[in-house]
Amino acid sequence: MECKYCGEIFVDDDGAIAIYWMHQSTHHKEKMTAEEKVFEDFRKKMIRQKEDYERSKEKTGDSDLIFNAKERDARNRS
């Protein structure tokens, strides 16, 4: 993959897309089109939400497991 602004080449591997977008936002933010900026903002929000979710999951546990345990306990009391 090649940067369309400076020609830097990125090796095609599992992290190439993330590295490419990090490069774009770090080095070429002022050159990005309005559409690219919208996608960049959206991508950042999605990453932040995923990180927040992972932190809350570590703190409170997996919501499905908690719900299922509470439901099981309620049925056992009946």
PDB file of N, CA and C in Angstrom:
ATOM      1  N   MET A   1       0.857  -1.165   0.000  1.00  0.00           N
ATOM      2  CA  MET A   1       0.000   0.000   0.000  1.00  0.00           C
ATOM      3  C   MET A   1       0.908   1.233   0.000  1.00  0.00           C
ATOM      4  N   GLU A   2       0.528   2.229  -0.760  1.00  0.00           N
ATOM      5  CA  GLU A   2       1.343   3.430  -0.893  1.00  0.00           C
ATOM      6  C   GLU A   2       0.543   4.665  -0.490  1.00  0.00           C
ATOM      7  N   CYS A   3       1.190   5.546   0.252  1.00  0.00           N
ATOM      8  CA  CYS A   3       0.561   6.805   0.654  1.00  0.00           C
ATOM      9  C   CYS A   3       0.372   7.675  -0.586  1.00  0.00           C
ATOM     10  N   LYS A   4      -0.841   8.161  -0.787  1.00  0.00           N
ATOM     11  CA  LYS A   4      -1.107   8.960  -1.986  1.00  0.00           C
ATOM     12  C   LYS A   4      -0.551  10.376  -1.882  1.00  0.00           C
ATOM     13  N   TYR A   5      -0.128  10.785  -0.690  1.00  0.00           N
ATOM     14  CA  TYR A   5       0.392  12.130  -0.517  1.00  0.00           C
ATOM     15  C   TYR A   5       1.915  12.205  -0.578  1.00  0.00           C
ATOM     16  N   CYS A   6       2.615  11.214  -0.014  1.00  0.00           N
ATOM     17  CA  CYS A   6       4.077  11.296   0.015  1.00  0.00           C
ATOM     18  C   CYS A   6       4.758  10.101  -0.644  1.00  0.00           C
ATOM     19  N   GLY A   7       4.000   9.072  -0.998  1.00  0.00           N
ATOM     20  CA  GLY A   7       4.573   7.922  -1.682  1.00  0.00           C
ATOM     21  C   GLY A   7       5.201   6.883  -0.769  1.00  0.00           C
ATOM     22  N   GLU A   8       5.109   7.083   0.542  1.00  0.00           N
ATOM     23  CA  GLU A   8       5.669   6.085   1.461  1.00  0.00           C
ATOM     24  C   GLU A   8       4.940   4.755   1.259  1.00  0.00           C
ATOM     25  N   ILE A   9       5.723   3.673   1.270  1.00  0.00           N
ATOM     26  CA  ILE A   9       5.170   2.336   1.030  1.00  0.00           C
ATOM     27  C   ILE A   9       4.963   1.635   2.371  1.00  0.00           C
ATOM     28  N   PHE A  10       3.804   0.984   2.505  1.00  0.00           N
ATOM     29  CA  PHE A  10       3.465   0.235   3.713  1.00  0.00           C
ATOM     30  C   PHE A  10       3.355  -1.236   3.351  1.00  0.00           C
ATOM     31  N   VAL A  11       3.991  -2.081   4.143  1.00  0.00           N
ATOM     32  CA  VAL A  11       3.974  -3.521   3.903  1.00  0.00           C
ATOM     33  C   VAL A  11       2.566  -4.048   4.142  1.00  0.00           C
ATOM     34  N   ASP A  12       2.083  -4.871   3.230  1.00  0.00           N
ATOM     35  CA  ASP A  12       0.750  -5.466   3.387  1.00  0.00           C
ATOM     36  C   ASP A  12       0.808  -6.587   4.411  1.00  0.00           C
ATOM     37  N   ASP A  13       0.325  -6.299   5.610  1.00  0.00           N
ATOM     38  CA  ASP A  13       0.200  -7.313   6.654  1.00  0.00           C
ATOM     39  C   ASP A  13      -1.054  -6.998   7.450  1.00  0.00           C
ATOM     40  N   ASP A  14      -1.228  -7.664   8.566  1.00  0.00           N
ATOM     41  CA  ASP A  14      -2.460  -7.497   9.346  1.00  0.00           C
ATOM     42  C   ASP A  14      -2.683  -6.068   9.843  1.00  0.00           C
ATOM     43  N   GLY A  15      -1.615  -5.335  10.122  1.00  0.00           N
ATOM     44  CA  GLY A  15      -1.759  -3.994  10.677  1.00  0.00           C
ATOM     45  C   GLY A  15      -1.576  -2.875   9.668  1.00  0.00           C
ATOM     46  N   ALA A  16      -1.487  -3.203   8.385  1.00  0.00           N
ATOM     47  CA  ALA A  16      -1.180  -2.199   7.360  1.00  0.00           C
ATOM     48  C   ALA A  16      -2.214  -1.084   7.300  1.00  0.00           C
ATOM     49  N   ILE A  17      -3.480  -1.432   7.384  1.00  0.00           N
ATOM     50  CA  ILE A  17      -4.535  -0.414   7.286  1.00  0.00           C
ATOM     51  C   ILE A  17      -4.447   0.558   8.457  1.00  0.00           C
ATOM     52  N   ALA A  18      -4.275   0.024   9.662  1.00  0.00           N
ATOM     53  CA  ALA A  18      -4.178   0.888  10.844  1.00  0.00           C
ATOM     54  C   ALA A  18      -2.948   1.787  10.754  1.00  0.00           C
ATOM     55  N   ILE A  19      -1.831   1.225  10.327  1.00  0.00           N
ATOM     56  CA  ILE A  19      -0.597   2.011  10.197  1.00  0.00           C
ATOM     57  C   ILE A  19      -0.773   3.090   9.129  1.00  0.00           C
ATOM     58  N   TYR A  20      -1.411   2.731   8.031  1.00  0.00           N
ATOM     59  CA  TYR A  20      -1.665   3.694   6.953  1.00  0.00           C
ATOM     60  C   TYR A  20      -2.507   4.864   7.453  1.00  0.00           C
ATOM     61  N   TRP A  21      -3.600   4.574   8.178  1.00  0.00           N
ATOM     62  CA  TRP A  21      -4.466   5.648   8.671  1.00  0.00           C
ATOM     63  C   TRP A  21      -3.772   6.490   9.734  1.00  0.00           C
ATOM     64  N   MET A  22      -2.942   5.858  10.560  1.00  0.00           N
ATOM     65  CA  MET A  22      -2.183   6.628  11.554  1.00  0.00           C
ATOM     66  C   MET A  22      -1.221   7.580  10.837  1.00  0.00           C
ATOM     67  N   HIS A  23      -0.568   7.079   9.789  1.00  0.00           N
ATOM     68  CA  HIS A  23       0.343   7.904   8.995  1.00  0.00           C
ATOM     69  C   HIS A  23      -0.414   9.080   8.381  1.00  0.00           C
ATOM     70  N   GLN A  24      -1.569   8.797   7.795  1.00  0.00           N
ATOM     71  CA  GLN A  24      -2.377   9.846   7.166  1.00  0.00           C
ATOM     72  C   GLN A  24      -2.745  10.933   8.170  1.00  0.00           C
ATOM     73  N   SER A  25      -3.263  10.535   9.316  1.00  0.00           N
ATOM     74  CA  SER A  25      -3.732  11.526  10.290  1.00  0.00           C
ATOM     75  C   SER A  25      -2.583  12.273  10.951  1.00  0.00           C
ATOM     76  N   THR A  26      -1.424  11.639  11.050  1.00  0.00           N
ATOM     77  CA  THR A  26      -0.271  12.281  11.677  1.00  0.00           C
ATOM     78  C   THR A  26       0.441  13.237  10.726  1.00  0.00           C
ATOM     79  N   HIS A  27       0.628  12.813   9.484  1.00  0.00           N
ATOM     80  CA  HIS A  27       1.462  13.576   8.553  1.00  0.00           C
ATOM     81  C   HIS A  27       0.700  14.371   7.494  1.00  0.00           C
ATOM     82  N   HIS A  28      -0.533  14.025   7.217  1.00  0.00           N
ATOM     83  CA  HIS A  28      -1.228  14.647   6.089  1.00  0.00           C
ATOM     84  C   HIS A  28      -2.642  15.118   6.422  1.00  0.00           C
ATOM     85  N   LYS A  29      -2.934  15.391   7.672  1.00  0.00           N
ATOM     86  CA  LYS A  29      -4.293  15.777   8.082  1.00  0.00           C
ATOM     87  C   LYS A  29      -4.795  16.993   7.288  1.00  0.00           C
ATOM     88  N   GLU A  30      -3.917  17.961   7.060  1.00  0.00           N
ATOM     89  CA  GLU A  30      -4.338  19.175   6.350  1.00  0.00           C
ATOM     90  C   GLU A  30      -4.611  18.921   4.870  1.00  0.00           C
ATOM     91  N   LYS A  31      -4.073  17.828   4.325  1.00  0.00           N
ATOM     92  CA  LYS A  31      -4.280  17.504   2.908  1.00  0.00           C
ATOM     93  C   LYS A  31      -5.476  16.581   2.683  1.00  0.00           C
ATOM     94  N   MET A  32      -6.000  16.010   3.746  1.00  0.00           N
ATOM     95  CA  MET A  32      -7.092  15.047   3.610  1.00  0.00           C
ATOM     96  C   MET A  32      -8.365  15.738   3.128  1.00  0.00           C
ATOM     97  N   THR A  33      -9.147  15.006   2.335  1.00  0.00           N
ATOM     98  CA  THR A  33     -10.432  15.535   1.877  1.00  0.00           C
ATOM     99  C   THR A  33     -11.416  15.530   3.041  1.00  0.00           C
ATOM    100  N   ALA A  34     -12.517  16.223   2.871  1.00  0.00           N
ATOM    101  CA  ALA A  34     -13.544  16.265   3.921  1.00  0.00           C
ATOM    102  C   ALA A  34     -14.050  14.860   4.228  1.00  0.00           C
ATOM    103  N   GLU A  35     -14.227  14.050   3.197  1.00  0.00           N
ATOM    104  CA  GLU A  35     -14.702  12.675   3.396  1.00  0.00           C
ATOM    105  C   GLU A  35     -13.683  11.851   4.183  1.00  0.00           C
ATOM    106  N   GLU A  36     -12.400  12.000   3.859  1.00  0.00           N
ATOM    107  CA  GLU A  36     -11.357  11.272   4.588  1.00  0.00           C
ATOM    108  C   GLU A  36     -11.318  11.707   6.053  1.00  0.00           C
ATOM    109  N   LYS A  37     -11.532  12.984   6.305  1.00  0.00           N
ATOM    110  CA  LYS A  37     -11.548  13.480   7.688  1.00  0.00           C
ATOM    111  C   LYS A  37     -12.731  12.911   8.464  1.00  0.00           C
ATOM    112  N   VAL A  38     -13.882  12.784   7.806  1.00  0.00           N
ATOM    113  CA  VAL A  38     -15.053  12.189   8.456  1.00  0.00           C
ATOM    114  C   VAL A  38     -14.754  10.740   8.819  1.00  0.00           C
ATOM    115  N   PHE A  39     -14.173   9.991   7.880  1.00  0.00           N
ATOM    116  CA  PHE A  39     -13.828   8.598   8.158  1.00  0.00           C
ATOM    117  C   PHE A  39     -12.797   8.492   9.272  1.00  0.00           C
ATOM    118  N   GLU A  40     -11.836   9.402   9.291  1.00  0.00           N
ATOM    119  CA  GLU A  40     -10.812   9.405  10.337  1.00  0.00           C
ATOM    120  C   GLU A  40     -11.445   9.659  11.705  1.00  0.00           C
ATOM    121  N   ASP A  41     -12.340  10.638  11.787  1.00  0.00           N
ATOM    122  CA  ASP A  41     -13.026  10.923  13.051  1.00  0.00           C
ATOM    123  C   ASP A  41     -13.866   9.730  13.497  1.00  0.00           C
ATOM    124  N   PHE A  42     -14.566   9.116  12.549  1.00  0.00           N
ATOM    125  CA  PHE A  42     -15.387   7.946  12.854  1.00  0.00           C
ATOM    126  C   PHE A  42     -14.524   6.791  13.362  1.00  0.00           C
ATOM    127  N   ARG A  43     -13.401   6.565  12.694  1.00  0.00           N
ATOM    128  CA  ARG A  43     -12.496   5.486  13.093  1.00  0.00           C
ATOM    129  C   ARG A  43     -11.971   5.722  14.508  1.00  0.00           C
ATOM    130  N   LYS A  44     -11.593   6.961  14.814  1.00  0.00           N
ATOM    131  CA  LYS A  44     -11.094   7.284  16.154  1.00  0.00           C
ATOM    132  C   LYS A  44     -12.170   7.055  17.210  1.00  0.00           C
ATOM    133  N   LYS A  45     -13.410   7.448  16.910  1.00  0.00           N
ATOM    134  CA  LYS A  45     -14.508   7.243  17.859  1.00  0.00           C
ATOM    135  C   LYS A  45     -14.768   5.761  18.086  1.00  0.00           C
ATOM    136  N   MET A  46     -14.719   4.977  17.023  1.00  0.00           N
ATOM    137  CA  MET A  46     -14.940   3.535  17.147  1.00  0.00           C
ATOM    138  C   MET A  46     -13.848   2.886  18.000  1.00  0.00           C
ATOM    139  N   ILE A  47     -12.606   3.285  17.787  1.00  0.00           N
ATOM    140  CA  ILE A  47     -11.495   2.746  18.578  1.00  0.00           C
ATOM    141  C   ILE A  47     -11.665   3.136  20.044  1.00  0.00           C
ATOM    142  N   ARG A  48     -12.038   4.391  20.295  1.00  0.00           N
ATOM    143  CA  ARG A  48     -12.233   4.859  21.674  1.00  0.00           C
ATOM    144  C   ARG A  48     -13.374   4.095  22.352  1.00  0.00           C
ATOM    145  N   GLN A  49     -14.483   3.877  21.627  1.00  0.00           N
ATOM    146  CA  GLN A  49     -15.609   3.128  22.190  1.00  0.00           C
ATOM    147  C   GLN A  49     -15.217   1.689  22.495  1.00  0.00           C
ATOM    148  N   LYS A  50     -14.439   1.079  21.613  1.00  0.00           N
ATOM    149  CA  LYS A  50     -13.998  -0.299  21.844  1.00  0.00           C
ATOM    150  C   LYS A  50     -13.114  -0.362  23.087  1.00  0.00           C
ATOM    151  N   GLU A  51     -12.193   0.602  23.221  1.00  0.00           N
ATOM    152  CA  GLU A  51     -11.322   0.633  24.394  1.00  0.00           C
ATOM    153  C   GLU A  51     -12.132   0.852  25.669  1.00  0.00           C
ATOM    154  N   ASP A  52     -13.105   1.752  25.627  1.00  0.00           N
ATOM    155  CA  ASP A  52     -13.970   1.989  26.792  1.00  0.00           C
ATOM    156  C   ASP A  52     -14.745   0.727  27.155  1.00  0.00           C
ATOM    157  N   TYR A  53     -15.264   0.041  26.144  1.00  0.00           N
ATOM    158  CA  TYR A  53     -16.014  -1.196  26.378  1.00  0.00           C
ATOM    159  C   TYR A  53     -15.115  -2.258  27.006  1.00  0.00           C
ATOM    160  N   GLU A  54     -13.891  -2.405  26.497  1.00  0.00           N
ATOM    161  CA  GLU A  54     -12.963  -3.395  27.047  1.00  0.00           C
ATOM    162  C   GLU A  54     -12.637  -3.078  28.507  1.00  0.00           C
ATOM    163  N   ARG A  55     -12.432  -1.787  28.812  1.00  0.00           N
ATOM    164  CA  ARG A  55     -12.147  -1.404  30.202  1.00  0.00           C
ATOM    165  C   ARG A  55     -13.338  -1.701  31.106  1.00  0.00           C
ATOM    166  N   SER A  56     -14.545  -1.379  30.650  1.00  0.00           N
ATOM    167  CA  SER A  56     -15.723  -1.631  31.485  1.00  0.00           C
ATOM    168  C   SER A  56     -15.959  -3.127  31.642  1.00  0.00           C
ATOM    169  N   LYS A  57     -15.647  -3.882  30.614  1.00  0.00           N
ATOM    170  CA  LYS A  57     -15.807  -5.334  30.682  1.00  0.00           C
ATOM    171  C   LYS A  57     -14.838  -5.931  31.707  1.00  0.00           C
ATOM    172  N   GLU A  58     -13.606  -5.392  31.749  1.00  0.00           N
ATOM    173  CA  GLU A  58     -12.636  -5.857  32.742  1.00  0.00           C
ATOM    174  C   GLU A  58     -13.104  -5.504  34.151  1.00  0.00           C
ATOM    175  N   LYS A  59     -13.688  -4.313  34.290  1.00  0.00           N
ATOM    176  CA  LYS A  59     -14.098  -3.822  35.602  1.00  0.00           C
ATOM    177  C   LYS A  59     -15.352  -4.535  36.111  1.00  0.00           C
ATOM    178  N   THR A  60     -16.366  -4.692  35.253  1.00  0.00           N
ATOM    179  CA  THR A  60     -17.647  -5.233  35.707  1.00  0.00           C
ATOM    180  C   THR A  60     -17.920  -6.648  35.233  1.00  0.00           C
ATOM    181  N   GLY A  61     -17.117  -7.145  34.315  1.00  0.00           N
ATOM    182  CA  GLY A  61     -17.347  -8.483  33.777  1.00  0.00           C
ATOM    183  C   GLY A  61     -18.174  -8.415  32.512  1.00  0.00           C
ATOM    184  N   ASP A  62     -18.249  -9.527  31.836  1.00  0.00           N
ATOM    185  CA  ASP A  62     -19.005  -9.619  30.589  1.00  0.00           C
ATOM    186  C   ASP A  62     -20.491  -9.542  30.905  1.00  0.00           C
ATOM    187  N   SER A  63     -21.203  -8.615  30.290  1.00  0.00           N
ATOM    188  CA  SER A  63     -22.616  -8.386  30.613  1.00  0.00           C
ATOM    189  C   SER A  63     -23.466  -9.626  30.371  1.00  0.00           C
ATOM    190  N   ASP A  64     -23.178 -10.407  29.342  1.00  0.00           N
ATOM    191  CA  ASP A  64     -23.950 -11.627  29.088  1.00  0.00           C
ATOM    192  C   ASP A  64     -23.780 -12.623  30.226  1.00  0.00           C
ATOM    193  N   LEU A  65     -22.562 -12.747  30.715  1.00  0.00           N
ATOM    194  CA  LEU A  65     -22.317 -13.686  31.811  1.00  0.00           C
ATOM    195  C   LEU A  65     -23.020 -13.222  33.081  1.00  0.00           C
ATOM    196  N   ILE A  66     -22.983 -11.926  33.353  1.00  0.00           N
ATOM    197  CA  ILE A  66     -23.642 -11.386  34.547  1.00  0.00           C
ATOM    198  C   ILE A  66     -25.145 -11.593  34.446  1.00  0.00           C
ATOM    199  N   PHE A  67     -25.742 -11.251  33.302  1.00  0.00           N
ATOM    200  CA  PHE A  67     -27.182 -11.409  33.109  1.00  0.00           C
ATOM    201  C   PHE A  67     -27.582 -12.872  33.255  1.00  0.00           C
ATOM    202  N   ASN A  68     -26.841 -13.767  32.616  1.00  0.00           N
ATOM    203  CA  ASN A  68     -27.177 -15.189  32.679  1.00  0.00           C
ATOM    204  C   ASN A  68     -27.062 -15.730  34.100  1.00  0.00           C
ATOM    205  N   ALA A  69     -26.067 -15.274  34.849  1.00  0.00           N
ATOM    206  CA  ALA A  69     -25.904 -15.725  36.229  1.00  0.00           C
ATOM    207  C   ALA A  69     -27.062 -15.232  37.094  1.00  0.00           C
ATOM    208  N   LYS A  70     -27.478 -13.976  36.912  1.00  0.00           N
ATOM    209  CA  LYS A  70     -28.600 -13.433  37.690  1.00  0.00           C
ATOM    210  C   LYS A  70     -29.890 -14.165  37.349  1.00  0.00           C
ATOM    211  N   GLU A  71     -30.099 -14.443  36.069  1.00  0.00           N
ATOM    212  CA  GLU A  71     -31.307 -15.153  35.646  1.00  0.00           C
ATOM    213  C   GLU A  71     -31.319 -16.577  36.213  1.00  0.00           C
ATOM    214  N   ARG A  72     -30.175 -17.239  36.186  1.00  0.00           N
ATOM    215  CA  ARG A  72     -30.065 -18.592  36.724  1.00  0.00           C
ATOM    216  C   ARG A  72     -30.354 -18.589  38.224  1.00  0.00           C
ATOM    217  N   ASP A  73     -29.802 -17.609  38.947  1.00  0.00           N
ATOM    218  CA  ASP A  73     -30.036 -17.516  40.385  1.00  0.00           C
ATOM    219  C   ASP A  73     -31.513 -17.273  40.679  1.00  0.00           C
ATOM    220  N   ALA A  74     -32.160 -16.431  39.888  1.00  0.00           N
ATOM    221  CA  ALA A  74     -33.587 -16.146  40.083  1.00  0.00           C
ATOM    222  C   ALA A  74     -34.416 -17.405  39.858  1.00  0.00           C
ATOM    223  N   ARG A  75     -34.062 -18.197  38.856  1.00  0.00           N
ATOM    224  CA  ARG A  75     -34.801 -19.433  38.586  1.00  0.00           C
ATOM    225  C   ARG A  75     -34.576 -20.462  39.693  1.00  0.00           C
ATOM    226  N   ASN A  76     -33.377 -20.492  40.237  1.00  0.00           N
ATOM    227  CA  ASN A  76     -33.070 -21.456  41.299  1.00  0.00           C
ATOM    228  C   ASN A  76     -33.814 -21.121  42.589  1.00  0.00           C
ATOM    229  N   ARG A  77     -34.101 -19.832  42.827  1.00  0.00           N
ATOM    230  CA  ARG A  77     -34.824 -19.428  44.030  1.00  0.00           C
ATOM    231  C   ARG A  77     -36.310 -19.751  43.925  1.00  0.00           C
ATOM    232  N   SER A  78     -36.804 -19.883  42.710  1.00  0.00           N
ATOM    233  CA  SER A  78     -38.249 -20.125  42.508  1.00  0.00           C
ATOM    234  C   SER A  78     -38.648 -21.515  42.895  1.00  0.00           C
TER     235      SER A  78
END
